[in-house]
N, C-alpha and C. Protein backbone atom coordinates (compact mmCIF):
# COMPACT_ATOMS: atom_id res chain seq x y z
N MET A 1 -31.98 -45.02 75.67
CA MET A 1 -31.55 -45.54 74.40
C MET A 1 -30.48 -44.66 73.76
N ALA A 2 -30.62 -43.35 73.88
CA ALA A 2 -29.63 -42.45 73.27
C ALA A 2 -28.26 -42.60 73.94
N TRP A 3 -28.27 -42.74 75.27
CA TRP A 3 -26.99 -42.90 75.97
C TRP A 3 -26.33 -44.21 75.57
N GLU A 4 -27.14 -45.26 75.44
CA GLU A 4 -26.61 -46.57 75.04
C GLU A 4 -26.00 -46.49 73.64
N LEU A 5 -26.67 -45.81 72.75
CA LEU A 5 -26.17 -45.65 71.39
C LEU A 5 -24.89 -44.82 71.37
N LEU A 6 -24.84 -43.80 72.23
CA LEU A 6 -23.66 -42.94 72.28
C LEU A 6 -22.43 -43.68 72.79
N PHE A 7 -22.60 -44.50 73.83
CA PHE A 7 -21.45 -45.14 74.46
C PHE A 7 -21.10 -46.52 73.92
N LYS A 8 -22.01 -47.15 73.19
CA LYS A 8 -21.76 -48.54 72.77
C LYS A 8 -21.56 -48.72 71.28
N SER A 9 -21.90 -47.73 70.47
CA SER A 9 -21.69 -47.90 69.02
C SER A 9 -20.42 -47.17 68.59
N ASP A 10 -19.86 -47.61 67.49
CA ASP A 10 -18.64 -46.98 66.98
C ASP A 10 -18.88 -45.52 66.62
N MET A 11 -19.98 -45.26 65.94
CA MET A 11 -20.28 -43.88 65.54
C MET A 11 -20.57 -43.01 66.77
N GLY A 12 -21.19 -43.57 67.78
CA GLY A 12 -21.45 -42.84 69.01
C GLY A 12 -20.16 -42.46 69.72
N LEU A 13 -19.23 -43.41 69.79
CA LEU A 13 -17.94 -43.13 70.44
C LEU A 13 -17.15 -42.10 69.65
N LEU A 14 -17.20 -42.19 68.33
CA LEU A 14 -16.52 -41.19 67.51
C LEU A 14 -17.14 -39.81 67.72
N SER A 15 -18.46 -39.76 67.78
CA SER A 15 -19.15 -38.49 68.04
C SER A 15 -18.77 -37.93 69.41
N LEU A 16 -18.72 -38.80 70.39
CA LEU A 16 -18.34 -38.37 71.74
C LEU A 16 -16.92 -37.82 71.75
N PHE A 17 -16.01 -38.50 71.05
CA PHE A 17 -14.64 -38.03 70.96
C PHE A 17 -14.58 -36.65 70.31
N VAL A 18 -15.33 -36.45 69.23
CA VAL A 18 -15.33 -35.16 68.53
C VAL A 18 -15.89 -34.07 69.44
N ILE A 19 -16.95 -34.37 70.17
CA ILE A 19 -17.54 -33.38 71.08
C ILE A 19 -16.54 -32.99 72.16
N VAL A 20 -15.89 -33.98 72.77
CA VAL A 20 -14.92 -33.70 73.84
C VAL A 20 -13.71 -32.96 73.29
N PHE A 21 -13.21 -33.39 72.14
CA PHE A 21 -12.04 -32.76 71.53
C PHE A 21 -12.33 -31.31 71.16
N THR A 22 -13.48 -31.04 70.56
CA THR A 22 -13.84 -29.69 70.16
C THR A 22 -14.02 -28.78 71.38
N THR A 23 -14.65 -29.30 72.41
CA THR A 23 -14.83 -28.52 73.64
C THR A 23 -13.47 -28.22 74.27
N GLY A 24 -12.60 -29.21 74.32
CA GLY A 24 -11.26 -28.99 74.86
C GLY A 24 -10.47 -27.98 74.06
N MET A 25 -10.58 -28.07 72.74
CA MET A 25 -9.88 -27.11 71.88
C MET A 25 -10.39 -25.69 72.11
N SER A 26 -11.70 -25.54 72.26
CA SER A 26 -12.25 -24.20 72.46
C SER A 26 -11.79 -23.61 73.79
N VAL A 27 -11.70 -24.43 74.83
CA VAL A 27 -11.21 -23.95 76.12
C VAL A 27 -9.74 -23.56 76.00
N TRP A 28 -8.94 -24.39 75.33
CA TRP A 28 -7.52 -24.11 75.18
C TRP A 28 -7.30 -22.81 74.40
N TYR A 29 -8.02 -22.64 73.28
CA TYR A 29 -7.86 -21.43 72.48
C TYR A 29 -8.30 -20.19 73.26
N ALA A 30 -9.39 -20.30 74.01
CA ALA A 30 -9.85 -19.15 74.80
C ALA A 30 -8.79 -18.73 75.81
N ARG A 31 -8.21 -19.70 76.51
CA ARG A 31 -7.17 -19.38 77.49
C ARG A 31 -5.92 -18.83 76.80
N TYR A 32 -5.54 -19.42 75.67
CA TYR A 32 -4.34 -19.00 74.93
C TYR A 32 -4.48 -17.55 74.46
N PHE A 33 -5.61 -17.24 73.82
CA PHE A 33 -5.79 -15.88 73.31
C PHE A 33 -5.94 -14.87 74.44
N SER A 34 -6.58 -15.26 75.53
CA SER A 34 -6.70 -14.37 76.68
C SER A 34 -5.32 -14.05 77.24
N LYS A 35 -4.47 -15.06 77.34
CA LYS A 35 -3.11 -14.86 77.85
C LYS A 35 -2.32 -13.95 76.91
N LYS A 36 -2.44 -14.15 75.61
CA LYS A 36 -1.71 -13.32 74.64
C LYS A 36 -2.19 -11.88 74.68
N MET A 37 -3.49 -11.66 74.84
CA MET A 37 -4.01 -10.30 74.91
C MET A 37 -3.51 -9.59 76.17
N LYS A 38 -3.45 -10.31 77.29
CA LYS A 38 -2.93 -9.71 78.52
C LYS A 38 -1.46 -9.36 78.37
N GLU A 39 -0.67 -10.25 77.75
CA GLU A 39 0.75 -9.97 77.54
C GLU A 39 0.94 -8.74 76.65
N GLU A 40 0.14 -8.64 75.61
CA GLU A 40 0.27 -7.52 74.69
C GLU A 40 -0.12 -6.20 75.36
N SER A 41 -1.16 -6.23 76.19
CA SER A 41 -1.57 -4.99 76.86
C SER A 41 -0.54 -4.57 77.90
N GLN A 42 0.16 -5.52 78.51
CA GLN A 42 1.19 -5.17 79.49
C GLN A 42 2.43 -4.61 78.80
N GLN A 43 2.72 -5.04 77.59
CA GLN A 43 3.87 -4.53 76.85
C GLN A 43 3.64 -3.09 76.40
N GLU A 44 2.39 -2.72 76.15
CA GLU A 44 2.08 -1.37 75.69
C GLU A 44 2.22 -0.34 76.81
N LYS A 45 2.10 -0.75 78.05
CA LYS A 45 2.16 0.19 79.17
C LYS A 45 3.57 0.63 79.46
């Protein structure tokens, strides 16, 4: 029933979009900041 509500109702689809978007944003920010920290540490050497 929970899966049906998640995939078939408007609020469920909106919730799913928010979950996917937030997870994607967190992955992107983690990679972005990791890359910037590596660049900064290489410039200091």
